[in-house]
Amino acid sequence: MRRVVGKWGQRFLQRVFTHGEISYCFQKKNPYLSLAVRFAAKEAFIKATGAEIPVSFTEIEVVHTGTGKPSFIFSEKINVHLRNKNITSAHLSLSHDHEYGVASVFLEQ
């Protein structure tokens, strides 16, 4: 992620992440790892839903609840798509070490 951001800069960040995600990640000790797990979460969500509609990465925002649990905020277009597929919840798990990040998405009907 560091290389990609180094090469493409703000252009890449603004195409993939929301303002809130960028702000959150750059407050962290390792912002690039935080960005990477958010990218992984968005990819996992798109794959879990079947990638049936064109989606901009900024239509999917990874946030944390007051207890620190990761969750999603979706655009209205994605919310409509989820309702049409009878998906009632999207659960997110994030994990990382010093170099790698992973995300798992579980959809509930």
Protein backbone atom coordinates (compact mmCIF):
# COMPACT_ATOMS: atom_id res chain seq x y z
CA MET A 1 0.00 0.00 0.00
CA ARG A 2 2.87 2.35 0.78
CA ARG A 3 4.21 1.91 -2.77
CA VAL A 4 0.83 2.50 -4.39
CA VAL A 5 0.17 5.64 -2.34
CA GLY A 6 3.74 6.77 -3.02
CA LYS A 7 3.20 6.40 -6.76
CA TRP A 8 -0.39 7.67 -7.11
CA GLY A 9 -0.77 9.84 -3.99
CA GLN A 10 -4.02 11.62 -3.23
CA ARG A 11 -5.54 10.53 -6.52
CA PHE A 12 -5.46 6.89 -5.43
CA LEU A 13 -6.54 7.62 -1.87
CA GLN A 14 -9.57 9.64 -2.98
CA ARG A 15 -10.68 7.01 -5.50
CA VAL A 16 -10.58 4.16 -2.98
CA PHE A 17 -11.19 5.60 0.49
CA THR A 18 -13.62 8.05 2.04
CA HIS A 19 -12.41 11.20 3.73
CA GLY A 20 -13.22 9.60 7.09
CA GLU A 21 -11.15 6.52 6.31
CA ILE A 22 -8.17 8.57 5.17
CA SER A 23 -8.31 10.73 8.30
CA TYR A 24 -8.67 7.71 10.57
CA CYS A 25 -5.80 5.78 8.98
CA PHE A 26 -3.34 8.65 8.96
CA GLN A 27 -3.82 9.05 12.71
CA LYS A 28 -2.50 5.51 13.18
CA LYS A 29 1.10 4.46 13.79
CA ASN A 30 1.13 2.57 10.48
CA PRO A 31 -1.41 4.28 8.21
CA TYR A 32 -0.57 2.10 5.21
CA LEU A 33 -1.45 -1.10 7.06
CA SER A 34 -4.74 0.47 8.18
CA LEU A 35 -5.47 1.46 4.58
CA ALA A 36 -4.55 -2.03 3.36
CA VAL A 37 -7.02 -3.82 5.67
CA ARG A 38 -9.76 -1.40 4.59
CA PHE A 39 -8.97 -2.14 0.96
CA ALA A 40 -9.12 -5.87 1.77
CA ALA A 41 -12.49 -5.36 3.51
CA LYS A 42 -13.95 -3.60 0.49
CA GLU A 43 -12.67 -6.32 -1.86
CA ALA A 44 -14.05 -9.05 0.40
CA PHE A 45 -17.45 -7.35 0.57
CA ILE A 46 -17.66 -6.95 -3.22
CA LYS A 47 -16.74 -10.61 -3.73
CA ALA A 48 -19.17 -11.80 -1.04
CA THR A 49 -22.07 -9.98 -2.70
CA GLY A 50 -21.26 -11.50 -6.08
CA ALA A 51 -19.96 -8.31 -7.73
CA GLU A 52 -23.20 -8.03 -9.69
CA ILE A 53 -23.38 -4.23 -9.80
CA PRO A 54 -20.65 -1.72 -10.58
CA VAL A 55 -19.46 -0.27 -7.28
CA SER A 56 -17.09 2.53 -6.43
CA PHE A 57 -14.87 1.73 -3.47
CA THR A 58 -15.92 5.00 -1.86
CA GLU A 59 -19.50 3.69 -1.67
CA ILE A 60 -18.25 1.30 1.01
CA GLU A 61 -16.85 2.83 4.18
CA VAL A 62 -15.17 0.87 6.95
CA VAL A 63 -15.83 2.39 10.37
CA HIS A 64 -15.50 1.30 13.98
CA THR A 65 -18.22 1.24 16.61
CA GLY A 66 -17.70 2.79 20.04
CA THR A 67 -16.37 -0.58 21.23
CA GLY A 68 -13.87 -0.77 18.36
CA LYS A 69 -15.77 -3.36 16.32
CA PRO A 70 -15.30 -2.81 12.57
CA SER A 71 -18.40 -2.36 10.46
CA PHE A 72 -19.57 -0.94 7.15
CA ILE A 73 -21.48 2.12 6.05
CA PHE A 74 -22.89 1.72 2.53
CA SER A 75 -24.18 4.08 -0.12
CA GLU A 76 -27.89 4.00 -0.88
CA LYS A 77 -27.18 2.13 -4.14
CA ILE A 78 -25.48 -0.68 -2.23
CA ASN A 79 -28.20 -0.72 0.44
CA VAL A 80 -30.82 -1.19 -2.29
CA HIS A 81 -28.77 -4.01 -3.82
CA LEU A 82 -28.48 -5.72 -0.42
CA ARG A 83 -32.23 -5.43 0.19
CA ASN A 84 -32.92 -6.90 -3.27
CA LYS A 85 -30.75 -9.88 -2.35
CA ASN A 86 -32.46 -10.19 1.06
CA ILE A 87 -29.17 -9.54 2.86
CA THR A 88 -29.96 -8.18 6.30
CA SER A 89 -26.47 -7.80 7.78
CA ALA A 90 -22.85 -7.62 6.72
CA HIS A 91 -20.37 -8.62 9.41
CA LEU A 92 -16.71 -7.65 9.15
CA SER A 93 -13.57 -8.99 10.78
CA LEU A 94 -10.19 -7.30 10.32
CA SER A 95 -6.78 -8.54 11.38
CA HIS A 96 -3.19 -7.55 10.69
CA ASP A 97 0.36 -7.97 11.84
CA HIS A 98 3.29 -5.71 11.06
CA GLU A 99 3.18 -6.30 7.30
CA TYR A 100 -0.02 -8.01 6.23
CA GLY A 101 -3.71 -7.42 6.67
CA VAL A 102 -6.72 -9.65 6.11
CA ALA A 103 -10.47 -9.06 6.11
CA SER A 104 -13.40 -11.45 6.26
CA VAL A 105 -16.97 -10.55 5.40
CA PHE A 106 -20.00 -12.60 6.40
CA LEU A 107 -23.39 -11.80 4.89
CA GLU A 108 -26.60 -12.71 6.67
CA GLN A 109 -29.99 -13.32 5.07
